[in-house]
N, C-alpha and C. Protein backbone atom coordinates (compact mmCIF):
# COMPACT_ATOMS: atom_id res chain seq x y z
N UNK A 1 -1.98 -3.12 12.10
CA UNK A 1 -3.14 -2.83 10.56
C UNK A 1 -2.81 -4.12 10.63
N UNK A 2 -4.72 -4.78 10.37
CA UNK A 2 -4.38 -6.37 9.87
C UNK A 2 -5.19 -5.94 8.59
N UNK A 3 -5.02 -6.65 7.75
CA UNK A 3 -5.97 -7.11 6.94
C UNK A 3 -5.80 -8.32 6.60
N UNK A 4 -7.02 -8.86 6.84
CA UNK A 4 -7.14 -10.70 6.72
C UNK A 4 -8.36 -10.38 5.61
N UNK A 5 -7.82 -11.59 4.31
CA UNK A 5 -8.96 -11.99 3.38
C UNK A 5 -8.92 -13.75 3.39
N UNK A 6 -9.90 -13.81 1.92
CA UNK A 6 -9.73 -15.86 1.78
C UNK A 6 -7.82 -15.77 1.00
N UNK A 7 -7.38 -14.74 0.93
CA UNK A 7 -6.00 -15.05 0.10
C UNK A 7 -4.84 -14.46 1.14
N UNK A 8 -5.16 -13.35 2.15
CA UNK A 8 -3.87 -13.41 2.30
C UNK A 8 -4.60 -12.90 4.13
N UNK A 9 -3.41 -12.50 5.38
CA UNK A 9 -3.67 -12.44 6.48
C UNK A 9 -1.93 -11.58 6.62
N UNK A 10 -1.97 -10.23 6.71
CA UNK A 10 -0.99 -9.25 6.70
C UNK A 10 -1.30 -8.36 8.01
N UNK A 11 -0.10 -8.18 8.84
CA UNK A 11 0.19 -7.46 10.11
C UNK A 11 0.74 -6.73 9.41
N UNK A 12 0.97 -5.07 9.66
CA UNK A 12 2.01 -3.96 9.40
C UNK A 12 1.62 -3.11 10.59
N UNK A 13 3.30 -2.80 11.15
CA UNK A 13 2.92 -2.34 12.21
C UNK A 13 4.33 -1.58 12.36
N UNK A 14 3.90 0.08 12.47
CA UNK A 14 4.69 1.15 12.50
C UNK A 14 5.42 1.16 13.65
N UNK A 15 6.65 1.68 14.14
CA UNK A 15 6.91 1.94 15.36
C UNK A 15 7.29 0.90 16.21
N UNK A 16 6.90 -0.17 15.95
CA UNK A 16 7.13 -1.51 16.65
C UNK A 16 8.61 -1.67 15.92
N UNK A 17 9.47 -2.50 16.87
CA UNK A 17 10.49 -2.94 16.34
C UNK A 17 10.61 -4.46 16.34
N UNK A 18 10.73 -4.61 15.51
CA UNK A 18 9.77 -6.42 14.85
C UNK A 18 10.57 -6.81 13.62
N UNK A 19 10.31 -8.17 13.21
CA UNK A 19 10.95 -8.89 12.30
C UNK A 19 9.95 -8.53 11.25
N UNK A 20 10.72 -8.71 9.94
CA UNK A 20 9.92 -8.46 8.72
C UNK A 20 9.57 -10.01 8.31
N UNK A 21 8.38 -10.42 8.49
CA UNK A 21 8.56 -11.82 7.78
C UNK A 21 7.31 -12.21 6.66
N UNK A 22 7.17 -12.03 5.74
CA UNK A 22 5.80 -12.47 4.83
C UNK A 22 5.58 -13.45 4.17
N UNK A 23 7.04 -14.24 4.24
CA UNK A 23 7.22 -15.77 3.29
C UNK A 23 8.01 -15.95 1.98
N UNK A 24 8.19 -14.27 1.66
CA UNK A 24 8.45 -14.23 0.39
C UNK A 24 9.79 -13.17 0.59
N UNK A 25 10.99 -14.08 0.07
CA UNK A 25 12.22 -13.54 1.09
C UNK A 25 12.59 -12.21 -0.05
N UNK A 26 12.33 -11.75 -1.13
CA UNK A 26 12.39 -10.85 -1.84
C UNK A 26 11.43 -9.55 -1.24
N UNK A 27 10.22 -10.09 -0.79
CA UNK A 27 9.46 -8.91 -0.59
C UNK A 27 10.38 -8.02 0.94
N UNK A 28 10.64 -9.70 1.67
CA UNK A 28 11.09 -8.81 2.81
C UNK A 28 12.48 -7.97 2.52
N UNK A 29 13.13 -8.45 2.06
CA UNK A 29 14.66 -7.70 1.28
C UNK A 29 13.87 -6.47 1.13
N UNK A 30 13.22 -5.90 0.08
CA UNK A 30 12.64 -4.97 -0.50
C UNK A 30 11.96 -4.07 1.03
N UNK A 31 11.43 -4.50 1.55
CA UNK A 31 10.62 -4.05 2.83
C UNK A 31 11.50 -3.53 3.92
N UNK A 32 12.49 -4.19 4.18
CA UNK A 32 13.16 -4.03 5.65
C UNK A 32 14.54 -2.87 4.77
N UNK A 33 14.26 -2.59 3.60
CA UNK A 33 15.27 -1.57 2.85
C UNK A 33 14.31 -0.57 2.76
N UNK A 34 13.04 -0.68 2.34
CA UNK A 34 12.21 0.75 2.62
C UNK A 34 12.09 1.08 3.95
N UNK A 35 11.88 0.32 4.93
CA UNK A 35 11.48 0.92 6.57
C UNK A 35 12.94 1.51 6.65
N UNK A 36 14.06 0.77 6.62
CA UNK A 36 15.38 1.71 6.86
C UNK A 36 15.20 3.38 6.45
N UNK A 37 15.37 3.37 5.07
CA UNK A 37 15.28 4.69 4.68
C UNK A 37 13.95 5.30 4.97
N UNK A 38 13.25 4.55 5.28
CA UNK A 38 11.72 6.10 5.98
C UNK A 38 12.39 6.37 7.15
N UNK A 39 13.51 5.33 7.85
CA UNK A 39 13.66 5.97 9.10
C UNK A 39 12.64 5.50 10.53
N UNK A 40 12.01 4.50 10.02
CA UNK A 40 11.12 3.66 11.32
C UNK A 40 11.12 2.03 11.31
N UNK A 41 10.78 2.08 12.53
CA UNK A 41 11.00 0.49 12.76
C UNK A 41 9.55 0.14 12.57
N UNK A 42 9.23 -1.24 12.04
CA UNK A 42 8.39 -2.05 12.05
C UNK A 42 8.45 -3.46 11.59
N UNK A 43 7.21 -3.98 12.28
CA UNK A 43 6.90 -5.28 12.22
C UNK A 43 5.89 -5.90 11.42
N UNK A 44 6.25 -6.86 10.49
CA UNK A 44 5.25 -7.39 9.17
C UNK A 44 5.42 -8.80 9.44
N UNK A 45 4.48 -9.57 9.23
CA UNK A 45 3.91 -10.66 9.11
C UNK A 45 2.95 -10.89 8.37
N UNK A 46 2.68 -12.29 7.69
CA UNK A 46 1.60 -12.47 6.33
C UNK A 46 2.26 -14.01 5.98
N UNK A 47 0.77 -14.57 5.71
CA UNK A 47 0.55 -15.68 4.85
C UNK A 47 -0.32 -15.36 3.71
N UNK A 48 -0.21 -16.15 2.92
CA UNK A 48 -0.65 -15.63 1.18
C UNK A 48 -0.86 -17.25 0.68
N UNK A 49 -1.83 -17.05 -0.13
CA UNK A 49 -1.65 -18.12 -1.08
C UNK A 49 -0.82 -17.92 -2.75
N UNK A 50 -0.76 -16.77 -3.29
CA UNK A 50 -0.22 -16.19 -4.37
C UNK A 50 0.56 -14.77 -3.96
N UNK A 51 2.22 -14.99 -5.03
CA UNK A 51 2.63 -13.40 -4.22
C UNK A 51 1.79 -12.55 -5.10
N UNK A 52 1.02 -12.66 -6.20
CA UNK A 52 0.41 -11.64 -6.33
C UNK A 52 -0.29 -10.91 -5.35
N UNK A 53 -1.06 -11.59 -4.55
CA UNK A 53 -2.01 -11.10 -3.91
C UNK A 53 -1.34 -10.93 -2.04
N UNK A 54 -0.28 -11.34 -2.07
CA UNK A 54 0.59 -11.09 -1.24
C UNK A 54 1.22 -9.53 -1.03
N UNK A 55 1.85 -9.28 -2.59
CA UNK A 55 2.23 -7.77 -2.73
C UNK A 55 1.10 -6.92 -2.79
N UNK A 56 0.14 -6.92 -3.49
CA UNK A 56 -1.12 -6.37 -3.55
C UNK A 56 -1.54 -5.83 -2.18
N UNK A 57 -2.17 -6.75 -1.26
CA UNK A 57 -2.50 -6.77 0.02
C UNK A 57 -1.75 -5.89 0.62
N UNK A 58 -0.44 -6.28 1.19
CA UNK A 58 0.83 -5.66 1.79
C UNK A 58 0.79 -4.04 1.23
N UNK A 59 0.90 -3.77 0.04
CA UNK A 59 0.66 -2.25 -0.05
C UNK A 59 -0.74 -1.57 0.51
N UNK A 60 -1.51 -2.42 0.25
CA UNK A 60 -3.38 -1.85 0.71
C UNK A 60 -2.74 -1.93 2.40
N UNK A 61 -2.30 -2.65 3.33
CA UNK A 61 -1.99 -2.77 4.25
C UNK A 61 -1.00 -1.76 5.10
N UNK A 62 -0.06 -1.61 4.22
CA UNK A 62 0.86 -0.72 4.54
C UNK A 62 0.07 0.94 4.70
N UNK A 63 -0.36 1.54 3.08
CA UNK A 63 -0.58 2.15 3.08
C UNK A 63 -1.74 2.62 4.28
N UNK A 64 -2.64 1.97 4.64
CA UNK A 64 -3.63 2.55 5.53
C UNK A 64 -2.70 2.67 6.89
N UNK A 65 -1.54 2.40 7.63
CA UNK A 65 -0.90 1.65 8.76
C UNK A 65 -0.21 3.04 8.54
N UNK A 66 -0.29 3.49 7.33
CA UNK A 66 0.95 5.27 6.97
C UNK A 66 -0.12 6.08 7.62
N UNK A 67 -1.16 5.77 6.94
CA UNK A 67 -2.50 7.40 6.74
C UNK A 67 -2.71 7.28 8.37
N UNK A 68 -2.90 5.90 8.99
CA UNK A 68 -3.35 6.10 10.37
C UNK A 68 -2.52 6.65 11.29
N UNK A 69 -1.12 6.61 10.80
CA UNK A 69 -0.10 7.40 11.65
C UNK A 69 0.26 8.71 11.51
N UNK A 70 -0.53 9.18 10.19
CA UNK A 70 0.24 10.67 10.13
C UNK A 70 -0.38 11.57 11.25
N UNK A 71 0.79 12.63 11.12
CA UNK A 71 0.56 13.87 12.17
C UNK A 71 -0.59 14.47 11.39
N UNK A 72 -1.58 15.63 12.49
CA UNK A 72 -2.04 16.38 11.81
C UNK A 72 -1.79 16.98 10.18
N UNK A 73 -0.45 17.77 10.47
CA UNK A 73 -0.19 18.43 9.47
C UNK A 73 1.00 17.71 9.06
N UNK A 74 1.26 17.25 8.03
CA UNK A 74 2.78 16.48 7.21
C UNK A 74 2.75 17.25 5.91
N UNK A 75 4.25 17.26 5.84
CA UNK A 75 5.02 18.03 4.41
C UNK A 75 4.37 17.29 3.36
N UNK A 76 3.54 15.97 3.19
CA UNK A 76 2.91 15.98 1.86
C UNK A 76 3.63 15.40 0.68
N UNK A 77 5.01 16.59 0.48
CA UNK A 77 6.13 15.49 -0.81
C UNK A 77 7.01 15.00 -0.32
N UNK A 78 7.50 14.51 -1.25
CA UNK A 78 8.39 13.78 -1.08
C UNK A 78 9.33 13.03 -2.03
N UNK A 79 10.37 13.40 -2.35
CA UNK A 79 11.01 13.21 -3.95
C UNK A 79 12.83 13.33 -3.89
N UNK A 80 12.81 11.77 -4.58
CA UNK A 80 14.23 10.91 -4.11
C UNK A 80 14.74 10.60 -5.69
N UNK A 81 16.04 10.64 -5.59
CA UNK A 81 16.56 10.06 -7.21
C UNK A 81 17.51 9.34 -6.77
N UNK A 82 17.14 7.61 -6.69
CA UNK A 82 18.15 6.91 -5.51
C UNK A 82 19.11 5.89 -6.64
N UNK A 83 19.91 6.11 -6.43
CA UNK A 83 20.79 5.18 -6.96
C UNK A 83 21.63 3.66 -6.50
N UNK A 84 21.17 2.97 -7.45
CA UNK A 84 21.99 1.40 -7.01
C UNK A 84 22.61 0.60 -7.62
N UNK A 85 23.94 0.85 -7.73
CA UNK A 85 24.87 0.21 -9.17
C UNK A 85 24.61 0.87 -9.89
N UNK A 86 23.83 0.11 -11.16
CA UNK A 86 23.38 0.39 -12.17
C UNK A 86 22.44 1.27 -12.63
N UNK A 87 21.36 1.21 -11.60
CA UNK A 87 19.98 1.33 -11.64
C UNK A 87 20.15 3.11 -11.34
N UNK A 88 19.38 3.75 -11.62
CA UNK A 88 19.36 5.06 -11.01
C UNK A 88 17.59 5.50 -11.22
N UNK A 89 16.63 5.83 -9.92
CA UNK A 89 15.60 5.92 -10.10
C UNK A 89 14.77 6.92 -9.08
N UNK A 90 13.97 7.50 -10.21
CA UNK A 90 13.34 9.04 -9.68
C UNK A 90 12.13 7.86 -8.83
N UNK A 91 11.44 9.08 -7.72
CA UNK A 91 10.32 8.54 -6.69
C UNK A 91 9.64 9.72 -5.92
N UNK A 92 8.77 9.84 -6.50
CA UNK A 92 8.03 11.09 -6.32
C UNK A 92 7.10 10.39 -5.35
N UNK A 93 6.44 11.25 -4.32
CA UNK A 93 5.33 11.07 -3.49
C UNK A 93 4.47 12.85 -3.11
N UNK A 94 3.35 11.78 -3.33
CA UNK A 94 2.47 13.66 -3.30
C UNK A 94 1.02 12.79 -2.38
N UNK A 95 0.98 12.75 -0.92
CA UNK A 95 0.09 12.35 -0.10
C UNK A 95 -1.08 13.94 0.02
N UNK A 96 -2.34 13.21 -0.56
CA UNK A 96 -2.92 14.48 -1.44
C UNK A 96 -4.29 13.90 -1.04
N UNK A 97 -4.17 12.37 -1.22
CA UNK A 97 -6.24 12.72 -1.17
C UNK A 97 -6.38 11.96 -2.45
N UNK A 98 -5.41 12.05 -3.41
CA UNK A 98 -5.37 11.68 -4.76
C UNK A 98 -4.67 10.55 -5.17
N UNK A 99 -5.23 9.12 -4.94
CA UNK A 99 -4.72 8.06 -5.24
C UNK A 99 -4.47 8.09 -7.20
N UNK A 100 -2.99 7.50 -7.35
CA UNK A 100 -2.95 7.91 -8.76
C UNK A 100 -1.08 6.80 -9.04
N UNK A 101 -1.03 6.27 -9.87
CA UNK A 101 0.38 5.35 -10.13
C UNK A 101 0.87 5.57 -11.33
N UNK A 102 2.36 6.02 -11.55
CA UNK A 102 2.62 5.77 -12.47
C UNK A 102 4.26 5.04 -12.72
N UNK A 103 4.35 4.13 -13.08
CA UNK A 103 5.23 3.40 -12.62
C UNK A 103 5.79 3.13 -14.60
N UNK A 104 7.19 3.83 -14.77
CA UNK A 104 7.61 3.95 -15.83
C UNK A 104 9.41 3.19 -15.77
N UNK A 105 9.09 2.23 -15.93
CA UNK A 105 10.24 1.11 -15.45
C UNK A 105 10.47 0.03 -16.80
N UNK A 106 11.68 0.45 -17.23
CA UNK A 106 11.91 -0.51 -18.60
C UNK A 106 13.18 -1.79 -17.86
N UNK A 107 12.75 -2.54 -17.61
CA UNK A 107 13.66 -3.54 -17.06
C UNK A 107 14.18 -4.34 -18.20
N UNK A 108 15.72 -4.32 -19.08
CA UNK A 108 16.30 -5.26 -19.80
C UNK A 108 16.49 -6.31 -19.10
N UNK A 109 17.27 -6.70 -18.29
CA UNK A 109 17.62 -7.68 -17.49
C UNK A 109 17.16 -8.35 -16.35
N UNK A 110 16.51 -9.13 -16.52
CA UNK A 110 15.27 -10.06 -15.74
C UNK A 110 16.39 -10.67 -14.67
N UNK A 111 15.17 -10.71 -13.34
CA UNK A 111 16.31 -11.76 -12.41
C UNK A 111 15.16 -12.29 -12.11
N UNK A 112 15.50 -13.61 -11.41
CA UNK A 112 14.01 -14.29 -10.79
C UNK A 112 13.47 -13.56 -9.55
N UNK A 113 12.20 -13.39 -9.48
CA UNK A 113 11.56 -12.90 -7.96
C UNK A 113 11.66 -12.05 -8.33
N UNK A 114 12.28 -10.87 -9.04
CA UNK A 114 11.94 -9.52 -9.39
C UNK A 114 11.27 -8.95 -10.50
N UNK A 115 10.02 -9.12 -10.09
CA UNK A 115 8.91 -8.87 -11.42
C UNK A 115 8.14 -7.58 -11.39
N UNK A 116 8.19 -6.93 -12.69
CA UNK A 116 7.80 -5.67 -11.88
C UNK A 116 6.01 -5.45 -11.94
N UNK A 117 5.32 -6.62 -12.35
CA UNK A 117 3.66 -6.78 -12.32
C UNK A 117 3.64 -6.93 -10.82
N UNK A 118 4.32 -7.39 -9.46
CA UNK A 118 4.64 -7.54 -8.47
C UNK A 118 4.70 -6.09 -7.94
N UNK A 119 5.56 -5.77 -8.34
CA UNK A 119 5.99 -4.21 -7.55
C UNK A 119 4.62 -3.33 -8.39
N UNK A 120 4.22 -3.14 -9.23
CA UNK A 120 3.39 -2.76 -9.74
C UNK A 120 2.16 -2.70 -8.62
N UNK A 121 1.81 -4.43 -8.81
CA UNK A 121 0.45 -4.01 -7.43
C UNK A 121 0.78 -3.61 -6.04
N UNK A 122 2.18 -3.74 -5.70
CA UNK A 122 2.33 -2.77 -4.38
C UNK A 122 2.07 -1.85 -4.51
N UNK A 123 2.51 -1.01 -5.73
CA UNK A 123 2.52 0.34 -5.41
C UNK A 123 1.51 0.83 -5.58
N UNK A 124 0.15 0.45 -6.46
CA UNK A 124 -1.12 0.85 -6.67
C UNK A 124 -2.05 0.33 -5.40
N UNK A 125 -1.38 -0.74 -4.74
CA UNK A 125 -2.30 -0.93 -3.60
C UNK A 125 -1.92 0.50 -1.95
N UNK A 126 -0.52 0.67 -1.96
CA UNK A 126 -0.57 1.59 -1.74
C UNK A 126 -0.93 2.93 -1.99
N UNK A 127 -0.75 3.56 -2.97
CA UNK A 127 -0.80 4.43 -3.51
C UNK A 127 -2.91 4.70 -3.03
N UNK A 128 -3.65 3.50 -3.31
CA UNK A 128 -5.00 3.59 -2.86
C UNK A 128 -5.56 3.90 -1.80
N UNK A 129 -4.60 2.94 -1.08
CA UNK A 129 -5.01 3.03 0.63
C UNK A 129 -4.56 3.94 1.26
N UNK A 130 -3.32 4.85 0.98
CA UNK A 130 -2.55 6.27 1.57
C UNK A 130 -3.19 7.26 0.63
N UNK A 131 -3.41 6.81 -0.24
CA UNK A 131 -4.21 8.01 -0.70
C UNK A 131 -2.96 8.88 -1.50
N UNK A 132 -2.13 8.61 -2.58
CA UNK A 132 -1.14 9.12 -2.37
C UNK A 132 -0.74 9.16 -4.07
N UNK A 133 -0.49 10.25 -4.84
CA UNK A 133 0.19 10.29 -6.08
C UNK A 133 1.62 9.70 -5.95
N UNK A 134 1.89 8.55 -6.70
CA UNK A 134 3.19 8.36 -6.71
C UNK A 134 3.53 7.99 -7.99
N UNK A 135 4.68 8.55 -8.41
CA UNK A 135 5.39 8.29 -9.72
C UNK A 135 7.16 7.84 -9.66
N UNK A 136 7.44 6.71 -10.07
CA UNK A 136 8.27 6.14 -10.40
C UNK A 136 8.89 5.74 -11.35
N UNK A 137 10.13 6.35 -11.71
CA UNK A 137 10.87 6.98 -13.33
C UNK A 137 12.09 5.93 -13.34
N UNK A 138 12.73 5.33 -14.08
CA UNK A 138 13.86 4.57 -14.02
C UNK A 138 14.83 5.61 -14.85
N UNK A 139 15.55 6.50 -14.28
CA UNK A 139 16.52 6.94 -15.11
C UNK A 139 17.71 6.52 -16.11
N UNK A 140 18.19 5.18 -15.51
CA UNK A 140 19.06 4.33 -15.94
C UNK A 140 18.96 3.13 -15.11
N UNK A 141 19.54 1.79 -15.97
CA UNK A 141 20.14 0.72 -15.52
C UNK A 141 19.69 -0.19 -16.14
N UNK A 142 19.77 -1.44 -16.16
CA UNK A 142 18.92 -3.04 -16.60
C UNK A 142 19.13 -3.99 -15.72
N UNK A 143 19.39 -4.44 -14.55
CA UNK A 143 19.25 -5.33 -13.73
C UNK A 143 17.98 -5.10 -13.07
N UNK A 144 17.42 -6.05 -13.02
CA UNK A 144 15.73 -6.04 -12.23
C UNK A 144 16.38 -5.76 -10.63
N UNK A 145 17.32 -6.44 -10.18
CA UNK A 145 17.11 -6.22 -8.77
C UNK A 145 17.68 -5.14 -8.21
N UNK A 146 18.56 -4.16 -8.80
CA UNK A 146 18.84 -3.08 -8.84
C UNK A 146 17.78 -1.99 -8.94
N UNK A 147 17.00 -2.34 -9.85
CA UNK A 147 15.87 -1.03 -10.55
C UNK A 147 15.10 -1.33 -9.34
N UNK A 148 14.67 -2.88 -9.15
CA UNK A 148 13.60 -2.48 -7.87
C UNK A 148 13.98 -2.22 -6.71
N UNK A 149 14.97 -2.58 -6.05
CA UNK A 149 15.45 -2.36 -4.85
C UNK A 149 15.48 -0.58 -4.84
N UNK A 150 16.00 -0.23 -5.75
CA UNK A 150 16.70 1.65 -5.91
C UNK A 150 15.37 2.09 -5.30
N UNK A 151 13.84 1.56 -6.05
CA UNK A 151 13.02 1.82 -6.06
C UNK A 151 12.21 1.60 -4.67
N UNK A 152 12.60 0.67 -3.71
CA UNK A 152 11.84 0.35 -2.29
C UNK A 152 12.84 1.43 -1.87
N UNK A 153 13.96 1.63 -1.79
CA UNK A 153 14.74 2.44 -1.17
C UNK A 153 14.52 3.82 -1.48
N UNK A 154 14.27 4.63 -2.81
CA UNK A 154 13.79 5.78 -2.88
C UNK A 154 12.35 6.13 -2.06
N UNK A 155 11.60 4.81 -2.41
CA UNK A 155 9.71 5.24 -1.83
C UNK A 155 10.00 5.34 0.07
N UNK A 156 10.79 4.77 0.30
CA UNK A 156 11.10 4.86 1.89
C UNK A 156 11.70 6.24 2.20
N UNK A 157 12.88 6.31 1.30
CA UNK A 157 13.28 8.09 1.65
C UNK A 157 12.25 9.40 1.12
N UNK A 158 11.57 8.90 -0.18
CA UNK A 158 10.60 10.06 -0.46
C UNK A 158 9.22 9.86 0.69
N UNK A 159 8.96 8.83 1.49
CA UNK A 159 7.81 8.51 2.22
C UNK A 159 8.56 9.08 3.61
N UNK A 160 9.36 9.32 4.38
CA UNK A 160 10.04 10.18 5.41
C UNK A 160 9.89 11.04 5.25
N UNK A 161 10.39 11.91 4.38
CA UNK A 161 10.26 13.14 3.66
C UNK A 161 8.46 13.90 3.53
N UNK A 162 7.92 12.78 2.97
CA UNK A 162 6.45 13.22 2.95
C UNK A 162 5.53 13.17 3.99
N UNK A 163 5.77 12.34 5.36
CA UNK A 163 4.83 11.95 6.12
C UNK A 163 5.58 12.63 7.37
N UNK A 164 6.38 13.97 7.63
CA UNK A 164 7.34 14.49 8.63
C UNK A 164 6.29 15.81 8.98
N UNK A 165 6.34 15.93 9.85
CA UNK A 165 5.04 16.77 10.72
C UNK A 165 5.57 18.11 10.47
N UNK A 166 4.33 18.92 9.87
CA UNK A 166 4.64 20.25 9.67
C UNK A 166 3.70 20.85 10.21
N UNK A 167 4.05 22.42 10.50
CA UNK A 167 3.19 23.60 11.45
C UNK A 167 2.39 23.71 10.27
N UNK A 168 2.01 23.81 9.31
CA UNK A 168 1.08 24.41 8.03
C UNK A 168 0.08 23.09 7.66
N UNK A 169 -0.63 23.47 7.19
CA UNK A 169 -1.46 22.37 6.31
C UNK A 169 -1.02 22.76 4.39
N UNK A 170 -0.13 21.89 3.77
CA UNK A 170 0.47 21.78 2.97
C UNK A 170 0.20 21.95 1.33
N UNK A 171 -0.95 22.77 1.47
CA UNK A 171 -1.89 22.96 0.28
C UNK A 171 -2.11 24.85 -0.06
N UNK A 172 -2.26 24.93 -0.78
CA UNK A 172 -2.57 26.45 -1.17
C UNK A 172 -4.41 26.96 -1.41
N UNK A 173 -4.86 25.07 -0.82
CA UNK A 173 -6.45 26.17 -0.96
C UNK A 173 -6.85 25.57 0.76
N UNK A 174 -5.74 25.27 1.56
CA UNK A 174 -5.67 25.67 3.13
C UNK A 174 -6.48 24.29 3.49
N UNK A 175 -6.71 22.76 2.70
CA UNK A 175 -7.03 21.82 3.04
C UNK A 175 -6.47 20.60 1.76
N UNK A 176 -6.67 19.23 2.63
CA UNK A 176 -5.90 18.19 1.52
C UNK A 176 -6.81 17.42 1.04
């Protein structure tokens, strides 16, 4: 999947073993963790003007790539509580067709480059283009690096659950 704008040029390919190279070392590290816990190979390439645009457009592109590769019937839901050192983060995903983001992180101890505003842009872009409800709630922790990395690891594990092929439509309505 490719997204090219005046601000970014991003390619995300799930199922292809390749390099994660966005030009933002923190985002690269977070994506590597997320794909590892999703249990998928991926290649990501990007160029950008501002980190804000990179994180948002990467979320949009990733959501479109995941949606394109969904099986006809899939598990829909994924929920994880992910620990990392002082951090404990709940991540819940519902690929329902209804985009929504609830991001509840109170970071006490900042760390250079680890910004909740960038995470919010990434997750909201992902929620919109995947057409998913995503909830992220910090249960414990103070360190920005640990909280944000636990979020990406938890997101990977929750997505891994949600995209699994199923033999039925996961809706009491019979359609998503």
